[in-house]
Amino acid sequence: TTGAIGQAAPKPDEAAETQAPQITYIGEAFSTYIIVQTQDSLFLIDKHAAHERILYEELISSGYNDAQMLLEPVSVPLSREEYAALLPELETLNKAGFEAEDFGGSVLVRALPMMLDSEDAASLIQEIAGGFASGRREITADKLDWIYHSSACRAAVKAGDISKPAELMA
């Protein structure tokens, strides 16, 4: 058979694979897991992990284009090791949506990714600096990716947070 444009129409099995299944929201368990069903399957979805993945993908696609200026810059105190490790990575932070600059032993944050709250700025920068200072193996492979992951994890809903059904479906 042929499709409307003269191409072969997909076989029924191929068509089923390309269409998103119909999802029905069932509920939430322990303020942590989203329960949904498809026609023949039941899924328990960790809402923090799912939201973190969504935010991570958004960060990758928007990068520094989705930064928000802070009304007041945030001064982030760092240990000597953290400061020394973070200073060479200020450009990497900038690519990830942060505007941070050397502030004589600390870092001054003027902007951060839109999804983050300004209250998270200091603790997240300290976490990132601590990761760089520790030289953790997962950071050395792709520093920008690690910053995206840390930011997404910080911004994602947490297990135990109260969520509305519409938020969970989204």
N, C-alpha and C. Protein backbone atom coordinates (compact mmCIF):
# COMPACT_ATOMS: atom_id res chain seq x y z
N THR A 1 0.85 -1.19 0.00
CA THR A 1 0.00 0.00 0.00
C THR A 1 0.88 1.24 0.00
N THR A 2 0.29 2.35 -0.42
CA THR A 2 1.06 3.59 -0.44
C THR A 2 0.35 4.64 0.38
N GLY A 3 1.15 5.58 0.91
CA GLY A 3 0.61 6.67 1.70
C GLY A 3 0.16 7.79 0.78
N ALA A 4 -0.25 8.91 1.36
CA ALA A 4 -0.78 10.04 0.61
C ALA A 4 0.27 10.68 -0.31
N ILE A 5 1.55 10.54 0.01
CA ILE A 5 2.58 11.18 -0.77
C ILE A 5 3.24 10.18 -1.73
N GLY A 6 2.71 9.02 -1.83
CA GLY A 6 3.27 8.02 -2.72
C GLY A 6 4.30 7.12 -2.07
N GLN A 7 4.51 7.28 -0.75
CA GLN A 7 5.44 6.40 -0.05
C GLN A 7 4.67 5.22 0.51
N ALA A 8 5.39 4.16 0.78
CA ALA A 8 4.76 2.99 1.35
C ALA A 8 4.20 3.33 2.73
N ALA A 9 2.99 2.93 3.00
CA ALA A 9 2.38 3.16 4.31
C ALA A 9 3.06 2.27 5.33
N PRO A 10 3.23 2.76 6.57
CA PRO A 10 3.88 1.91 7.57
C PRO A 10 3.03 0.70 7.89
N LYS A 11 3.72 -0.38 8.22
CA LYS A 11 3.03 -1.59 8.65
C LYS A 11 2.37 -1.30 10.00
N PRO A 12 1.33 -2.03 10.34
CA PRO A 12 0.64 -1.76 11.61
C PRO A 12 1.58 -1.76 12.82
N ASP A 13 2.54 -2.68 12.88
CA ASP A 13 3.47 -2.73 14.01
C ASP A 13 4.35 -1.50 14.06
N GLU A 14 4.81 -1.02 12.90
CA GLU A 14 5.66 0.17 12.83
C GLU A 14 4.88 1.40 13.26
N ALA A 15 3.63 1.53 12.84
CA ALA A 15 2.81 2.68 13.19
C ALA A 15 2.59 2.73 14.70
N ALA A 16 2.38 1.57 15.32
CA ALA A 16 2.15 1.53 16.76
C ALA A 16 3.39 2.00 17.52
N GLU A 17 4.58 1.70 17.01
CA GLU A 17 5.81 2.10 17.69
C GLU A 17 6.04 3.60 17.62
N THR A 18 5.56 4.26 16.58
CA THR A 18 5.83 5.69 16.42
C THR A 18 4.80 6.56 17.14
N GLN A 19 3.66 6.02 17.49
CA GLN A 19 2.63 6.79 18.18
C GLN A 19 2.80 6.65 19.68
N ALA A 20 2.68 7.77 20.39
CA ALA A 20 2.77 7.73 21.85
C ALA A 20 1.54 7.00 22.39
N PRO A 21 1.74 6.14 23.38
CA PRO A 21 0.59 5.43 23.94
C PRO A 21 -0.31 6.37 24.73
N GLN A 22 -1.57 6.06 24.80
CA GLN A 22 -2.52 6.82 25.60
C GLN A 22 -2.22 6.54 27.07
N ILE A 23 -1.98 7.57 27.85
CA ILE A 23 -1.62 7.41 29.26
C ILE A 23 -2.78 7.91 30.12
N THR A 24 -3.14 7.12 31.11
CA THR A 24 -4.19 7.49 32.05
C THR A 24 -3.58 7.64 33.43
N TYR A 25 -3.78 8.80 34.05
CA TYR A 25 -3.28 9.06 35.40
C TYR A 25 -4.14 8.29 36.41
N ILE A 26 -3.49 7.51 37.27
CA ILE A 26 -4.20 6.75 38.30
C ILE A 26 -4.09 7.42 39.66
N GLY A 27 -2.89 7.87 40.00
CA GLY A 27 -2.70 8.52 41.30
C GLY A 27 -1.24 8.67 41.64
N GLU A 28 -1.01 8.90 42.94
CA GLU A 28 0.35 9.09 43.43
C GLU A 28 0.50 8.27 44.70
N ALA A 29 1.65 7.62 44.86
CA ALA A 29 1.91 6.81 46.05
C ALA A 29 3.04 7.44 46.86
N PHE A 30 2.81 7.57 48.16
CA PHE A 30 3.81 8.05 49.10
C PHE A 30 4.37 9.43 48.73
N SER A 31 3.60 10.25 48.02
CA SER A 31 4.05 11.57 47.55
C SER A 31 5.39 11.47 46.83
N THR A 32 5.62 10.33 46.18
CA THR A 32 6.91 10.08 45.52
C THR A 32 6.74 9.48 44.13
N TYR A 33 5.79 8.57 43.97
CA TYR A 33 5.64 7.85 42.71
C TYR A 33 4.35 8.21 42.00
N ILE A 34 4.46 8.51 40.72
CA ILE A 34 3.30 8.76 39.88
C ILE A 34 2.85 7.41 39.34
N ILE A 35 1.55 7.14 39.44
CA ILE A 35 1.01 5.87 38.94
C ILE A 35 0.18 6.18 37.70
N VAL A 36 0.58 5.60 36.58
CA VAL A 36 -0.14 5.77 35.32
C VAL A 36 -0.30 4.40 34.66
N GLN A 37 -1.26 4.34 33.76
CA GLN A 37 -1.45 3.10 33.01
C GLN A 37 -1.60 3.42 31.53
N THR A 38 -1.18 2.45 30.73
CA THR A 38 -1.47 2.50 29.30
C THR A 38 -2.52 1.41 29.10
N GLN A 39 -2.80 1.09 27.88
CA GLN A 39 -3.84 0.10 27.61
C GLN A 39 -3.55 -1.23 28.30
N ASP A 40 -2.28 -1.63 28.32
CA ASP A 40 -1.96 -2.95 28.88
C ASP A 40 -0.81 -2.96 29.88
N SER A 41 -0.42 -1.79 30.38
CA SER A 41 0.71 -1.72 31.31
C SER A 41 0.44 -0.72 32.43
N LEU A 42 1.08 -0.94 33.56
CA LEU A 42 1.01 -0.06 34.71
C LEU A 42 2.43 0.43 34.99
N PHE A 43 2.59 1.74 35.24
CA PHE A 43 3.90 2.31 35.48
C PHE A 43 3.93 3.06 36.81
N LEU A 44 5.01 2.88 37.56
CA LEU A 44 5.32 3.68 38.74
C LEU A 44 6.51 4.54 38.35
N ILE A 45 6.34 5.85 38.39
CA ILE A 45 7.38 6.77 37.94
C ILE A 45 7.85 7.61 39.12
N ASP A 46 9.14 7.59 39.39
CA ASP A 46 9.72 8.43 40.44
C ASP A 46 9.61 9.88 39.97
N LYS A 47 8.80 10.69 40.67
CA LYS A 47 8.53 12.04 40.18
C LYS A 47 9.76 12.93 40.22
N HIS A 48 10.65 12.74 41.19
CA HIS A 48 11.88 13.55 41.23
C HIS A 48 12.77 13.21 40.03
N ALA A 49 12.97 11.93 39.78
CA ALA A 49 13.83 11.51 38.66
C ALA A 49 13.26 11.97 37.32
N ALA A 50 11.94 11.85 37.16
CA ALA A 50 11.32 12.26 35.90
C ALA A 50 11.44 13.77 35.70
N HIS A 51 11.17 14.54 36.75
CA HIS A 51 11.26 15.99 36.65
C HIS A 51 12.71 16.43 36.42
N GLU A 52 13.64 15.77 37.10
CA GLU A 52 15.06 16.08 36.92
C GLU A 52 15.47 15.87 35.45
N ARG A 53 15.00 14.77 34.85
CA ARG A 53 15.34 14.51 33.45
C ARG A 53 14.75 15.56 32.51
N ILE A 54 13.52 15.98 32.78
CA ILE A 54 12.88 17.01 31.96
C ILE A 54 13.68 18.31 32.05
N LEU A 55 14.05 18.71 33.28
CA LEU A 55 14.80 19.95 33.46
C LEU A 55 16.19 19.86 32.85
N TYR A 56 16.82 18.71 32.96
CA TYR A 56 18.14 18.49 32.36
C TYR A 56 18.07 18.69 30.85
N GLU A 57 17.06 18.12 30.21
CA GLU A 57 16.90 18.27 28.76
C GLU A 57 16.64 19.74 28.40
N GLU A 58 15.87 20.45 29.24
CA GLU A 58 15.62 21.87 28.99
C GLU A 58 16.91 22.68 29.10
N LEU A 59 17.73 22.36 30.11
CA LEU A 59 19.00 23.06 30.26
C LEU A 59 19.91 22.84 29.07
N ILE A 60 19.98 21.61 28.60
CA ILE A 60 20.83 21.30 27.45
C ILE A 60 20.37 22.09 26.23
N SER A 61 19.05 22.18 26.03
CA SER A 61 18.55 22.86 24.84
C SER A 61 18.62 24.38 24.94
N SER A 62 18.53 24.94 26.16
CA SER A 62 18.52 26.40 26.28
C SER A 62 19.87 26.97 26.68
N GLY A 63 20.62 26.24 27.55
CA GLY A 63 21.93 26.71 27.98
C GLY A 63 21.87 28.11 28.54
N TYR A 64 22.84 28.93 28.19
CA TYR A 64 22.94 30.27 28.75
C TYR A 64 21.89 31.22 28.20
N ASN A 65 21.12 30.80 27.22
CA ASN A 65 20.07 31.65 26.66
C ASN A 65 18.89 31.80 27.61
N ASP A 66 18.82 30.98 28.65
CA ASP A 66 17.69 30.99 29.56
C ASP A 66 18.13 31.38 30.97
N ALA A 67 18.96 32.41 31.08
CA ALA A 67 19.45 32.86 32.38
C ALA A 67 18.60 34.02 32.88
N GLN A 68 18.52 34.13 34.20
CA GLN A 68 17.81 35.25 34.81
C GLN A 68 18.78 36.06 35.66
N MET A 69 18.72 37.36 35.51
CA MET A 69 19.55 38.25 36.33
C MET A 69 18.94 38.29 37.72
N LEU A 70 19.79 38.29 38.72
CA LEU A 70 19.33 38.39 40.10
C LEU A 70 19.17 39.86 40.47
N LEU A 71 18.18 40.17 41.29
CA LEU A 71 18.00 41.55 41.74
C LEU A 71 19.21 42.01 42.53
N GLU A 72 19.73 41.12 43.35
CA GLU A 72 20.95 41.39 44.11
C GLU A 72 21.91 40.25 43.87
N PRO A 73 23.15 40.55 43.50
CA PRO A 73 24.13 39.47 43.31
C PRO A 73 24.32 38.70 44.62
N VAL A 74 24.65 37.42 44.48
CA VAL A 74 24.86 36.57 45.64
C VAL A 74 26.35 36.29 45.77
N SER A 75 26.91 36.62 46.92
CA SER A 75 28.31 36.32 47.19
C SER A 75 28.38 34.91 47.79
N VAL A 76 29.22 34.07 47.17
CA VAL A 76 29.32 32.67 47.61
C VAL A 76 30.69 32.43 48.23
N PRO A 77 30.72 32.25 49.55
CA PRO A 77 32.00 31.95 50.19
C PRO A 77 32.45 30.52 49.85
N LEU A 78 33.74 30.36 49.59
CA LEU A 78 34.29 29.06 49.23
C LEU A 78 35.57 28.81 50.02
N SER A 79 35.87 27.54 50.24
CA SER A 79 37.17 27.19 50.83
C SER A 79 38.25 27.49 49.80
N ARG A 80 39.50 27.52 50.22
CA ARG A 80 40.59 27.78 49.28
C ARG A 80 40.62 26.77 48.15
N GLU A 81 40.38 25.50 48.49
CA GLU A 81 40.40 24.43 47.49
C GLU A 81 39.26 24.60 46.48
N GLU A 82 38.06 24.90 47.00
CA GLU A 82 36.90 25.10 46.13
C GLU A 82 37.12 26.31 45.21
N TYR A 83 37.61 27.40 45.80
CA TYR A 83 37.87 28.62 45.03
C TYR A 83 38.88 28.35 43.91
N ALA A 84 39.97 27.68 44.25
CA ALA A 84 41.01 27.39 43.26
C ALA A 84 40.49 26.46 42.16
N ALA A 85 39.60 25.55 42.50
CA ALA A 85 39.05 24.62 41.52
C ALA A 85 37.99 25.28 40.64
N LEU A 86 37.22 26.21 41.22
CA LEU A 86 36.12 26.82 40.47
C LEU A 86 36.58 27.97 39.57
N LEU A 87 37.58 28.71 39.99
CA LEU A 87 38.01 29.88 39.24
C LEU A 87 38.30 29.59 37.76
N PRO A 88 39.02 28.51 37.42
CA PRO A 88 39.25 28.24 36.00
C PRO A 88 37.99 27.78 35.25
N GLU A 89 36.92 27.49 35.97
CA GLU A 89 35.69 26.97 35.36
C GLU A 89 34.59 28.02 35.26
N LEU A 90 34.91 29.30 35.48
CA LEU A 90 33.88 30.34 35.41
C LEU A 90 33.25 30.41 34.02
N GLU A 91 34.04 30.19 32.98
CA GLU A 91 33.49 30.19 31.61
C GLU A 91 32.53 29.02 31.42
N THR A 92 32.85 27.87 32.00
CA THR A 92 31.95 26.71 31.92
C THR A 92 30.65 27.02 32.63
N LEU A 93 30.73 27.67 33.80
CA LEU A 93 29.52 28.10 34.52
C LEU A 93 28.70 29.05 33.65
N ASN A 94 29.37 29.96 32.97
CA ASN A 94 28.68 30.91 32.10
C ASN A 94 27.93 30.17 31.00
N LYS A 95 28.53 29.17 30.40
CA LYS A 95 27.87 28.39 29.35
C LYS A 95 26.65 27.67 29.89
N ALA A 96 26.65 27.36 31.19
CA ALA A 96 25.54 26.64 31.81
C ALA A 96 24.43 27.57 32.28
N GLY A 97 24.56 28.88 32.03
CA GLY A 97 23.50 29.81 32.40
C GLY A 97 23.76 30.61 33.66
N PHE A 98 24.96 30.48 34.22
CA PHE A 98 25.33 31.25 35.41
C PHE A 98 26.19 32.43 34.96
N GLU A 99 26.01 33.57 35.60
CA GLU A 99 26.97 34.66 35.43
C GLU A 99 27.65 34.80 36.77
N ALA A 100 28.88 34.33 36.82
CA ALA A 100 29.64 34.35 38.07
C ALA A 100 31.01 34.95 37.80
N GLU A 101 31.53 35.65 38.80
CA GLU A 101 32.84 36.27 38.64
C GLU A 101 33.64 36.16 39.92
N ASP A 102 34.93 36.27 39.76
CA ASP A 102 35.86 36.24 40.89
C ASP A 102 35.55 37.42 41.80
N PHE A 103 35.51 37.15 43.10
CA PHE A 103 35.21 38.21 44.06
C PHE A 103 36.20 38.12 45.22
N GLY A 104 37.48 37.90 44.87
CA GLY A 104 38.54 37.88 45.88
C GLY A 104 38.38 36.82 46.95
N GLY A 105 38.49 35.57 46.58
CA GLY A 105 38.36 34.46 47.53
C GLY A 105 36.97 33.87 47.56
N SER A 106 36.02 34.54 46.97
CA SER A 106 34.65 34.02 46.83
C SER A 106 34.21 34.28 45.39
N VAL A 107 33.00 33.88 45.09
CA VAL A 107 32.45 34.07 43.75
C VAL A 107 31.18 34.89 43.88
N LEU A 108 31.01 35.85 42.99
CA LEU A 108 29.81 36.67 42.96
C LEU A 108 28.93 36.18 41.82
N VAL A 109 27.71 35.77 42.14
CA VAL A 109 26.77 35.26 41.14
C VAL A 109 25.77 36.36 40.82
N ARG A 110 25.69 36.73 39.54
CA ARG A 110 24.79 37.79 39.09
C ARG A 110 23.57 37.24 38.34
N ALA A 111 23.69 36.04 37.78
CA ALA A 111 22.58 35.43 37.03
C ALA A 111 22.70 33.92 37.17
N LEU A 112 21.57 33.23 37.01
CA LEU A 112 21.54 31.78 37.06
C LEU A 112 20.43 31.27 36.16
N PRO A 113 20.45 29.97 35.85
CA PRO A 113 19.41 29.42 34.98
C PRO A 113 18.01 29.72 35.52
N MET A 114 17.09 29.98 34.61
CA MET A 114 15.74 30.42 34.94
C MET A 114 15.04 29.46 35.91
N MET A 115 15.29 28.18 35.81
CA MET A 115 14.57 27.21 36.63
C MET A 115 15.00 27.20 38.09
N LEU A 116 16.10 27.86 38.42
CA LEU A 116 16.61 27.84 39.78
C LEU A 116 16.12 29.04 40.56
N ASP A 117 15.93 28.86 41.86
CA ASP A 117 15.58 29.96 42.75
C ASP A 117 16.87 30.63 43.22
N SER A 118 16.81 31.93 43.44
CA SER A 118 18.01 32.63 43.90
C SER A 118 18.50 32.10 45.24
N GLU A 119 17.58 31.53 46.03
CA GLU A 119 17.98 30.94 47.32
C GLU A 119 18.90 29.74 47.12
N ASP A 120 18.80 29.09 45.96
CA ASP A 120 19.62 27.92 45.68
C ASP A 120 21.01 28.29 45.15
N ALA A 121 21.21 29.54 44.77
CA ALA A 121 22.44 29.93 44.08
C ALA A 121 23.69 29.59 44.89
N ALA A 122 23.76 30.04 46.14
CA ALA A 122 24.97 29.84 46.93
C ALA A 122 25.26 28.37 47.17
N SER A 123 24.25 27.62 47.60
CA SER A 123 24.50 26.21 47.91
C SER A 123 24.83 25.41 46.66
N LEU A 124 24.22 25.75 45.52
CA LEU A 124 24.53 25.03 44.29
C LEU A 124 25.94 25.34 43.81
N ILE A 125 26.36 26.60 43.86
CA ILE A 125 27.72 26.96 43.46
C ILE A 125 28.72 26.28 44.39
N GLN A 126 28.42 26.22 45.69
CA GLN A 126 29.30 25.52 46.63
C GLN A 126 29.38 24.03 46.29
N GLU A 127 28.25 23.44 45.93
CA GLU A 127 28.23 22.02 45.55
C GLU A 127 29.07 21.79 44.29
N ILE A 128 28.91 22.66 43.31
CA ILE A 128 29.66 22.53 42.06
C ILE A 128 31.16 22.72 42.33
N ALA A 129 31.50 23.74 43.11
CA ALA A 129 32.90 23.99 43.44
C ALA A 129 33.49 22.82 44.22
N GLY A 130 32.70 22.27 45.15
CA GLY A 130 33.17 21.11 45.91
C GLY A 130 33.41 19.91 45.02
N GLY A 131 32.55 19.72 44.03
CA GLY A 131 32.74 18.63 43.08
C GLY A 131 34.00 18.81 42.26
N PHE A 132 34.25 20.03 41.79
CA PHE A 132 35.48 20.30 41.04
C PHE A 132 36.71 20.10 41.92
N ALA A 133 36.63 20.56 43.18
CA ALA A 133 37.76 20.46 44.09
C ALA A 133 38.09 19.00 44.43
N SER A 134 37.05 18.18 44.52
CA SER A 134 37.28 16.76 44.86
C SER A 134 37.83 15.98 43.68
N GLY A 135 37.71 16.57 42.47
CA GLY A 135 38.21 15.88 41.28
C GLY A 135 37.46 14.60 40.98
N ARG A 136 36.18 14.56 41.38
CA ARG A 136 35.40 13.35 41.16
C ARG A 136 35.44 12.94 39.70
N ARG A 137 35.51 11.69 39.48
CA ARG A 137 35.70 11.13 38.15
C ARG A 137 34.60 11.52 37.16
N GLU A 138 33.34 11.52 37.62
CA GLU A 138 32.23 11.82 36.70
C GLU A 138 32.27 13.27 36.22
N ILE A 139 32.96 14.14 36.93
CA ILE A 139 33.02 15.54 36.55
C ILE A 139 34.03 15.77 35.43
N THR A 140 35.12 15.02 35.46
CA THR A 140 36.18 15.28 34.49
C THR A 140 35.76 14.98 33.06
N ALA A 141 34.82 14.07 32.86
CA ALA A 141 34.40 13.69 31.51
C ALA A 141 33.74 14.87 30.79
N ASP A 142 32.78 15.49 31.40
CA ASP A 142 32.08 16.61 30.77
C ASP A 142 31.59 17.55 31.88
N LYS A 143 32.35 18.58 32.14
CA LYS A 143 32.04 19.49 33.25
C LYS A 143 30.71 20.21 33.04
N LEU A 144 30.45 20.64 31.81
CA LEU A 144 29.20 21.34 31.52
C LEU A 144 28.00 20.43 31.78
N ASP A 145 28.09 19.19 31.36
CA ASP A 145 27.01 18.23 31.58
C ASP A 145 26.79 18.00 33.07
N TRP A 146 27.86 17.94 33.83
CA TRP A 146 27.74 17.73 35.27
C TRP A 146 27.06 18.92 35.94
N ILE A 147 27.37 20.14 35.47
CA ILE A 147 26.71 21.33 36.01
C ILE A 147 25.22 21.29 35.69
N TYR A 148 24.88 20.90 34.45
CA TYR A 148 23.47 20.77 34.07
C TYR A 148 22.76 19.76 34.99
N HIS A 149 23.41 18.63 35.22
CA HIS A 149 22.81 17.59 36.06
C HIS A 149 22.60 18.10 37.48
N SER A 150 23.60 18.76 38.05
CA SER A 150 23.49 19.28 39.41
C SER A 150 22.38 20.32 39.51
N SER A 151 22.28 21.18 38.50
CA SER A 151 21.25 22.22 38.50
C SER A 151 19.85 21.61 38.38
N ALA A 152 19.70 20.63 37.49
CA ALA A 152 18.40 19.98 37.31
C ALA A 152 17.97 19.25 38.57
N CYS A 153 18.91 18.58 39.21
CA CYS A 153 18.60 17.85 40.45
C CYS A 153 18.12 18.83 41.52
N ARG A 154 18.81 19.97 41.63
CA ARG A 154 18.45 20.96 42.65
C ARG A 154 17.07 21.56 42.39
N ALA A 155 16.71 21.77 41.11
CA ALA A 155 15.45 22.43 40.77
C ALA A 155 14.26 21.48 40.74
N ALA A 156 14.49 20.18 40.63
CA ALA A 156 13.40 19.22 40.48
C ALA A 156 12.59 19.07 41.77
N VAL A 157 11.30 18.71 41.60
CA VAL A 157 10.46 18.44 42.77
C VAL A 157 11.10 17.30 43.56
N LYS A 158 10.86 17.29 44.83
CA LYS A 158 11.45 16.28 45.70
C LYS A 158 10.40 15.26 46.12
N ALA A 159 10.86 14.07 46.44
CA ALA A 159 9.96 13.07 47.00
C ALA A 159 9.35 13.65 48.27
N GLY A 160 8.07 13.48 48.45
CA GLY A 160 7.38 14.02 49.61
C GLY A 160 6.73 15.37 49.36
N ASP A 161 7.14 16.06 48.27
CA ASP A 161 6.49 17.33 47.92
C ASP A 161 5.05 17.04 47.51
N ILE A 162 4.15 17.93 47.85
CA ILE A 162 2.76 17.81 47.45
C ILE A 162 2.64 18.28 46.00
N SER A 163 2.03 17.47 45.16
CA SER A 163 1.88 17.80 43.75
C SER A 163 0.43 17.62 43.35
N LYS A 164 -0.04 18.47 42.45
CA LYS A 164 -1.38 18.34 41.91
C LYS A 164 -1.37 17.35 40.76
N PRO A 165 -2.46 16.63 40.53
CA PRO A 165 -2.51 15.66 39.42
C PRO A 165 -2.11 16.24 38.06
N ALA A 166 -2.51 17.47 37.76
CA ALA A 166 -2.16 18.09 36.48
C ALA A 166 -0.66 18.29 36.37
N GLU A 167 0.00 18.64 37.49
CA GLU A 167 1.45 18.80 37.49
C GLU A 167 2.13 17.46 37.25
N LEU A 168 1.62 16.43 37.86
CA LEU A 168 2.21 15.11 37.71
C LEU A 168 2.05 14.59 36.28
N MET A 169 0.92 14.83 35.67
CA MET A 169 0.72 14.40 34.27
C MET A 169 1.62 15.18 33.33
N ALA A 170 1.80 16.48 33.60
CA ALA A 170 2.68 17.29 32.74
C ALA A 170 4.09 16.78 32.84
